[in-house]
All heavy atoms as atom14 arrays in JSON, in Angstrom:
{
  "sequence": "YGTPGHEALKNGVTDAAISFTGGIARMKVAGY",
  "atom14_mask": [
    [1, 1, 1, 1, 1, 1, 1, 1, 1, 1, 1, 1, 0, 0],
    [1, 1, 1, 1, 0, 0, 0, 0, 0, 0, 0, 0, 0, 0],
    [1, 1, 1, 1, 1, 1, 1, 0, 0, 0, 0, 0, 0, 0],
    [1, 1, 1, 1, 1, 1, 1, 0, 0, 0, 0, 0, 0, 0],
    [1, 1, 1, 1, 0, 0, 0, 0, 0, 0, 0, 0, 0, 0],
    [1, 1, 1, 1, 1, 1, 1, 1, 1, 1, 0, 0, 0, 0],
    [1, 1, 1, 1, 1, 1, 1, 1, 1, 0, 0, 0, 0, 0],
    [1, 1, 1, 1, 1, 0, 0, 0, 0, 0, 0, 0, 0, 0],
    [1, 1, 1, 1, 1, 1, 1, 1, 0, 0, 0, 0, 0, 0],
    [1, 1, 1, 1, 1, 1, 1, 1, 1, 0, 0, 0, 0, 0],
    [1, 1, 1, 1, 1, 1, 1, 1, 0, 0, 0, 0, 0, 0],
    [1, 1, 1, 1, 0, 0, 0, 0, 0, 0, 0, 0, 0, 0],
    [1, 1, 1, 1, 1, 1, 1, 0, 0, 0, 0, 0, 0, 0],
    [1, 1, 1, 1, 1, 1, 1, 0, 0, 0, 0, 0, 0, 0],
    [1, 1, 1, 1, 1, 1, 1, 1, 0, 0, 0, 0, 0, 0],
    [1, 1, 1, 1, 1, 0, 0, 0, 0, 0, 0, 0, 0, 0],
    [1, 1, 1, 1, 1, 0, 0, 0, 0, 0, 0, 0, 0, 0],
    [1, 1, 1, 1, 1, 1, 1, 1, 0, 0, 0, 0, 0, 0],
    [1, 1, 1, 1, 1, 1, 0, 0, 0, 0, 0, 0, 0, 0],
    [1, 1, 1, 1, 1, 1, 1, 1, 1, 1, 1, 0, 0, 0],
    [1, 1, 1, 1, 1, 1, 1, 0, 0, 0, 0, 0, 0, 0],
    [1, 1, 1, 1, 0, 0, 0, 0, 0, 0, 0, 0, 0, 0],
    [1, 1, 1, 1, 0, 0, 0, 0, 0, 0, 0, 0, 0, 0],
    [1, 1, 1, 1, 1, 1, 1, 1, 0, 0, 0, 0, 0, 0],
    [1, 1, 1, 1, 1, 0, 0, 0, 0, 0, 0, 0, 0, 0],
    [1, 1, 1, 1, 1, 1, 1, 1, 1, 1, 1, 0, 0, 0],
    [1, 1, 1, 1, 1, 1, 1, 1, 0, 0, 0, 0, 0, 0],
    [1, 1, 1, 1, 1, 1, 1, 1, 1, 0, 0, 0, 0, 0],
    [1, 1, 1, 1, 1, 1, 1, 0, 0, 0, 0, 0, 0, 0],
    [1, 1, 1, 1, 1, 0, 0, 0, 0, 0, 0, 0, 0, 0],
    [1, 1, 1, 1, 0, 0, 0, 0, 0, 0, 0, 0, 0, 0],
    [1, 1, 1, 1, 1, 1, 1, 1, 1, 1, 1, 1, 0, 0]
  ],
  "atom14_positions": [
    [[-0.47, -1.81, -13.76], [0.38, -1.16, -12.77], [-0.17, -1.35, -11.35], [-1.33, -1.68, -11.15], [0.48, 0.34, -13.08], [1.19, 0.63, -14.38], [0.48, 0.8, -15.56], [2.58, 0.7, -14.43], [1.13, 1.06, -16.76], [3.24, 0.95, -15.62], [2.51, 1.13, -16.78], [3.17, 1.38, -17.97], [0.0, 0.0, 0.0], [0.0, 0.0, 0.0]],
    [[0.73, -1.16, -10.39], [0.31, -1.22, -9.0], [0.02, -2.63, -8.52], [0.71, -3.59, -8.88], [0.0, 0.0, 0.0], [0.0, 0.0, 0.0], [0.0, 0.0, 0.0], [0.0, 0.0, 0.0], [0.0, 0.0, 0.0], [0.0, 0.0, 0.0], [0.0, 0.0, 0.0], [0.0, 0.0, 0.0], [0.0, 0.0, 0.0], [0.0, 0.0, 0.0]],
    [[-1.05, -2.76, -7.76], [-1.37, -4.03, -7.09], [-1.47, -5.22, -8.03], [-0.95, -6.3, -7.69], [-2.68, -3.88, -6.29], [-2.52, -2.84, -5.31], [-3.02, -5.18, -5.58], [0.0, 0.0, 0.0], [0.0, 0.0, 0.0], [0.0, 0.0, 0.0], [0.0, 0.0, 0.0], [0.0, 0.0, 0.0], [0.0, 0.0, 0.0], [0.0, 0.0, 0.0]],
    [[-2.1, -5.13, -9.21], [-2.16, -6.31, -10.09], [-0.78, -6.86, -10.45], [-0.57, -8.08, -10.44], [-2.9, -5.78, -11.33], [-3.72, -4.66, -10.82], [-2.88, -4.0, -9.77], [0.0, 0.0, 0.0], [0.0, 0.0, 0.0], [0.0, 0.0, 0.0], [0.0, 0.0, 0.0], [0.0, 0.0, 0.0], [0.0, 0.0, 0.0], [0.0, 0.0, 0.0]],
    [[0.15, -5.95, -10.74], [1.51, -6.4, -11.06], [2.21, -6.99, -9.85], [2.93, -8.0, -9.96], [0.0, 0.0, 0.0], [0.0, 0.0, 0.0], [0.0, 0.0, 0.0], [0.0, 0.0, 0.0], [0.0, 0.0, 0.0], [0.0, 0.0, 0.0], [0.0, 0.0, 0.0], [0.0, 0.0, 0.0], [0.0, 0.0, 0.0], [0.0, 0.0, 0.0]],
    [[2.0, -6.38, -8.69], [2.61, -6.89, -7.46], [2.1, -8.3, -7.15], [2.87, -9.21, -6.8], [2.28, -5.98, -6.26], [2.63, -4.54, -6.47], [3.51, -4.1, -7.45], [2.21, -3.42, -5.8], [3.61, -2.78, -7.37], [2.84, -2.35, -6.39], [0.0, 0.0, 0.0], [0.0, 0.0, 0.0], [0.0, 0.0, 0.0], [0.0, 0.0, 0.0]],
    [[0.8, -8.49, -7.29], [0.2, -9.78, -6.99], [0.64, -10.85, -7.98], [0.83, -12.02, -7.62], [-1.33, -9.65, -7.0], [-1.91, -8.95, -5.79], [-1.72, -9.76, -4.51], [-2.03, -10.97, -4.52], [-1.24, -9.19, -3.51], [0.0, 0.0, 0.0], [0.0, 0.0, 0.0], [0.0, 0.0, 0.0], [0.0, 0.0, 0.0], [0.0, 0.0, 0.0]],
    [[0.81, -10.46, -9.25], [1.26, -11.41, -10.26], [2.63, -11.96, -9.91], [2.88, -13.17, -10.05], [1.29, -10.74, -11.64], [0.0, 0.0, 0.0], [0.0, 0.0, 0.0], [0.0, 0.0, 0.0], [0.0, 0.0, 0.0], [0.0, 0.0, 0.0], [0.0, 0.0, 0.0], [0.0, 0.0, 0.0], [0.0, 0.0, 0.0], [0.0, 0.0, 0.0]],
    [[3.51, -11.11, -9.42], [4.84, -11.56, -9.03], [4.77, -12.39, -7.75], [5.37, -13.48, -7.67], [5.76, -10.35, -8.82], [7.22, -10.66, -8.45], [7.9, -11.46, -9.56], [7.99, -9.36, -8.18], [0.0, 0.0, 0.0], [0.0, 0.0, 0.0], [0.0, 0.0, 0.0], [0.0, 0.0, 0.0], [0.0, 0.0, 0.0], [0.0, 0.0, 0.0]],
    [[4.0, -11.93, -6.8], [3.89, -12.63, -5.51], [3.31, -14.04, -5.7], [3.76, -15.0, -5.04], [3.0, -11.82, -4.57], [2.76, -12.48, -3.23], [1.83, -11.62, -2.36], [1.51, -12.29, -1.04], [0.59, -11.46, -0.21], [0.0, 0.0, 0.0], [0.0, 0.0, 0.0], [0.0, 0.0, 0.0], [0.0, 0.0, 0.0], [0.0, 0.0, 0.0]],
    [[2.34, -14.17, -6.59], [1.65, -15.46, -6.76], [2.28, -16.35, -7.83], [1.73, -17.41, -8.14], [0.18, -15.21, -7.11], [-0.56, -14.5, -5.98], [-0.27, -14.71, -4.81], [-1.52, -13.64, -6.34], [0.0, 0.0, 0.0], [0.0, 0.0, 0.0], [0.0, 0.0, 0.0], [0.0, 0.0, 0.0], [0.0, 0.0, 0.0], [0.0, 0.0, 0.0]],
    [[3.4, -15.93, -8.4], [4.09, -16.78, -9.36], [3.54, -16.72, -10.77], [3.95, -17.51, -11.62], [0.0, 0.0, 0.0], [0.0, 0.0, 0.0], [0.0, 0.0, 0.0], [0.0, 0.0, 0.0], [0.0, 0.0, 0.0], [0.0, 0.0, 0.0], [0.0, 0.0, 0.0], [0.0, 0.0, 0.0], [0.0, 0.0, 0.0], [0.0, 0.0, 0.0]],
    [[2.62, -15.81, -11.04], [2.13, -15.64, -12.42], [3.28, -15.14, -13.29], [3.41, -15.51, -14.46], [0.94, -14.66, -12.47], [0.5, -14.41, -13.91], [-0.22, -15.2, -11.64], [0.0, 0.0, 0.0], [0.0, 0.0, 0.0], [0.0, 0.0, 0.0], [0.0, 0.0, 0.0], [0.0, 0.0, 0.0], [0.0, 0.0, 0.0], [0.0, 0.0, 0.0]],
    [[4.12, -14.27, -12.73], [5.34, -13.84, -13.38], [6.53, -14.29, -12.52], [6.41, -14.39, -11.29], [5.39, -12.32, -13.56], [5.24, -11.69, -12.28], [4.28, -11.85, -14.5], [0.0, 0.0, 0.0], [0.0, 0.0, 0.0], [0.0, 0.0, 0.0], [0.0, 0.0, 0.0], [0.0, 0.0, 0.0], [0.0, 0.0, 0.0], [0.0, 0.0, 0.0]],
    [[7.65, -14.54, -13.19], [8.86, -14.93, -12.47], [9.7, -13.72, -12.09], [10.48, -13.75, -11.13], [9.71, -15.86, -13.34], [8.95, -17.12, -13.74], [8.57, -17.88, -12.84], [8.75, -17.33, -14.96], [0.0, 0.0, 0.0], [0.0, 0.0, 0.0], [0.0, 0.0, 0.0], [0.0, 0.0, 0.0], [0.0, 0.0, 0.0], [0.0, 0.0, 0.0]],
    [[9.56, -12.69, -12.9], [10.28, -11.43, -12.68], [9.41, -10.31, -13.23], [8.45, -10.56, -13.96], [11.63, -11.45, -13.37], [0.0, 0.0, 0.0], [0.0, 0.0, 0.0], [0.0, 0.0, 0.0], [0.0, 0.0, 0.0], [0.0, 0.0, 0.0], [0.0, 0.0, 0.0], [0.0, 0.0, 0.0], [0.0, 0.0, 0.0], [0.0, 0.0, 0.0]],
    [[9.72, -9.1, -12.86], [8.97, -7.94, -13.37], [9.94, -6.79, -13.54], [11.06, -6.8, -12.99], [7.85, -7.57, -12.41], [0.0, 0.0, 0.0], [0.0, 0.0, 0.0], [0.0, 0.0, 0.0], [0.0, 0.0, 0.0], [0.0, 0.0, 0.0], [0.0, 0.0, 0.0], [0.0, 0.0, 0.0], [0.0, 0.0, 0.0], [0.0, 0.0, 0.0]],
    [[9.5, -5.81, -14.31], [10.28, -4.58, -14.47], [9.45, -3.45, -13.88], [8.28, -3.27, -14.24], [10.61, -4.3, -15.94], [11.43, -5.45, -16.52], [11.38, -2.98, -16.07], [11.66, -5.33, -18.02], [0.0, 0.0, 0.0], [0.0, 0.0, 0.0], [0.0, 0.0, 0.0], [0.0, 0.0, 0.0], [0.0, 0.0, 0.0], [0.0, 0.0, 0.0]],
    [[10.05, -2.72, -12.96], [9.37, -1.58, -12.37], [10.37, -0.44, -12.28], [11.53, -0.58, -12.71], [8.83, -1.94, -10.98], [8.05, -0.88, -10.44], [0.0, 0.0, 0.0], [0.0, 0.0, 0.0], [0.0, 0.0, 0.0], [0.0, 0.0, 0.0], [0.0, 0.0, 0.0], [0.0, 0.0, 0.0], [0.0, 0.0, 0.0], [0.0, 0.0, 0.0]],
    [[9.94, 0.69, -11.77], [10.84, 1.82, -11.57], [11.04, 2.0, -10.07], [10.27, 1.48, -9.26], [10.29, 3.08, -12.23], [8.96, 3.53, -11.71], [8.86, 4.59, -10.83], [7.79, 2.89, -12.1], [7.63, 5.01, -10.35], [6.55, 3.3, -11.63], [6.47, 4.36, -10.75], [0.0, 0.0, 0.0], [0.0, 0.0, 0.0], [0.0, 0.0, 0.0]],
    [[12.1, 2.7, -9.72], [12.5, 2.75, -8.31], [11.4, 3.3, -7.4], [11.21, 2.8, -6.29], [13.79, 3.58, -8.16], [13.63, 4.82, -8.87], [14.98, 2.83, -8.75], [0.0, 0.0, 0.0], [0.0, 0.0, 0.0], [0.0, 0.0, 0.0], [0.0, 0.0, 0.0], [0.0, 0.0, 0.0], [0.0, 0.0, 0.0], [0.0, 0.0, 0.0]],
    [[10.68, 4.32, -7.87], [9.58, 4.85, -7.06], [8.48, 3.83, -6.88], [7.89, 3.7, -5.81], [0.0, 0.0, 0.0], [0.0, 0.0, 0.0], [0.0, 0.0, 0.0], [0.0, 0.0, 0.0], [0.0, 0.0, 0.0], [0.0, 0.0, 0.0], [0.0, 0.0, 0.0], [0.0, 0.0, 0.0], [0.0, 0.0, 0.0], [0.0, 0.0, 0.0]],
    [[8.18, 3.08, -7.94], [7.17, 2.03, -7.86], [7.58, 0.92, -6.92], [6.75, 0.34, -6.2], [0.0, 0.0, 0.0], [0.0, 0.0, 0.0], [0.0, 0.0, 0.0], [0.0, 0.0, 0.0], [0.0, 0.0, 0.0], [0.0, 0.0, 0.0], [0.0, 0.0, 0.0], [0.0, 0.0, 0.0], [0.0, 0.0, 0.0], [0.0, 0.0, 0.0]],
    [[8.87, 0.59, -6.92], [9.38, -0.45, -6.02], [9.26, 0.02, -4.57], [8.91, -0.77, -3.68], [10.84, -0.79, -6.38], [10.89, -1.41, -7.79], [11.44, -1.75, -5.36], [12.27, -1.52, -8.37], [0.0, 0.0, 0.0], [0.0, 0.0, 0.0], [0.0, 0.0, 0.0], [0.0, 0.0, 0.0], [0.0, 0.0, 0.0], [0.0, 0.0, 0.0]],
    [[9.53, 1.29, -4.34], [9.36, 1.83, -2.98], [7.91, 1.7, -2.54], [7.63, 1.34, -1.39], [9.8, 3.29, -2.95], [0.0, 0.0, 0.0], [0.0, 0.0, 0.0], [0.0, 0.0, 0.0], [0.0, 0.0, 0.0], [0.0, 0.0, 0.0], [0.0, 0.0, 0.0], [0.0, 0.0, 0.0], [0.0, 0.0, 0.0], [0.0, 0.0, 0.0]],
    [[6.98, 1.97, -3.44], [5.56, 1.85, -3.09], [5.19, 0.39, -2.83], [4.34, 0.1, -1.98], [4.69, 2.45, -4.2], [4.82, 3.94, -4.3], [3.65, 4.57, -5.03], [3.66, 4.31, -6.45], [4.32, 5.04, -7.35], [5.08, 6.05, -6.93], [4.26, 4.77, -8.62], [0.0, 0.0, 0.0], [0.0, 0.0, 0.0], [0.0, 0.0, 0.0]],
    [[5.8, -0.54, -3.58], [5.56, -1.96, -3.34], [5.96, -2.32, -1.92], [5.22, -3.01, -1.2], [6.38, -2.82, -4.32], [5.87, -2.85, -5.74], [6.86, -3.94, -6.8], [6.38, -5.56, -6.17], [0.0, 0.0, 0.0], [0.0, 0.0, 0.0], [0.0, 0.0, 0.0], [0.0, 0.0, 0.0], [0.0, 0.0, 0.0], [0.0, 0.0, 0.0]],
    [[7.14, -1.87, -1.51], [7.64, -2.22, -0.18], [6.76, -1.59, 0.91], [6.51, -2.22, 1.94], [9.09, -1.77, -0.05], [10.03, -2.58, -0.96], [11.49, -2.17, -0.81], [12.4, -3.04, -1.64], [13.83, -2.67, -1.53], [0.0, 0.0, 0.0], [0.0, 0.0, 0.0], [0.0, 0.0, 0.0], [0.0, 0.0, 0.0], [0.0, 0.0, 0.0]],
    [[6.32, -0.36, 0.66], [5.41, 0.29, 1.6], [4.12, -0.51, 1.75], [3.55, -0.62, 2.83], [5.11, 1.73, 1.14], [3.89, 2.28, 1.87], [6.32, 2.63, 1.38], [0.0, 0.0, 0.0], [0.0, 0.0, 0.0], [0.0, 0.0, 0.0], [0.0, 0.0, 0.0], [0.0, 0.0, 0.0], [0.0, 0.0, 0.0], [0.0, 0.0, 0.0]],
    [[3.67, -1.09, 0.62], [2.43, -1.87, 0.63], [2.62, -3.27, 1.21], [1.66, -4.04, 1.31], [1.86, -1.97, -0.79], [0.0, 0.0, 0.0], [0.0, 0.0, 0.0], [0.0, 0.0, 0.0], [0.0, 0.0, 0.0], [0.0, 0.0, 0.0], [0.0, 0.0, 0.0], [0.0, 0.0, 0.0], [0.0, 0.0, 0.0], [0.0, 0.0, 0.0]],
    [[3.85, -3.63, 1.58], [4.1, -4.9, 2.23], [4.62, -6.01, 1.33], [4.74, -7.16, 1.76], [0.0, 0.0, 0.0], [0.0, 0.0, 0.0], [0.0, 0.0, 0.0], [0.0, 0.0, 0.0], [0.0, 0.0, 0.0], [0.0, 0.0, 0.0], [0.0, 0.0, 0.0], [0.0, 0.0, 0.0], [0.0, 0.0, 0.0], [0.0, 0.0, 0.0]],
    [[4.95, -5.68, 0.08], [5.49, -6.7, -0.83], [7.01, -6.72, -0.69], [7.68, -5.68, -0.76], [5.12, -6.38, -2.28], [3.64, -6.49, -2.56], [2.81, -5.38, -2.43], [3.08, -7.7, -2.96], [1.45, -5.47, -2.67], [1.71, -7.79, -3.21], [0.91, -6.68, -3.07], [-0.43, -6.77, -3.33], [0.0, 0.0, 0.0], [0.0, 0.0, 0.0]]
  ]
}
């Protein structure tokens, strides 16, 4: 959860991910 998952998507380790709306808000706050 959190940064490892965000980085995996950003760096192409994953093509897509499943998150929840609150987690997505935190991603955007963190600059993703």
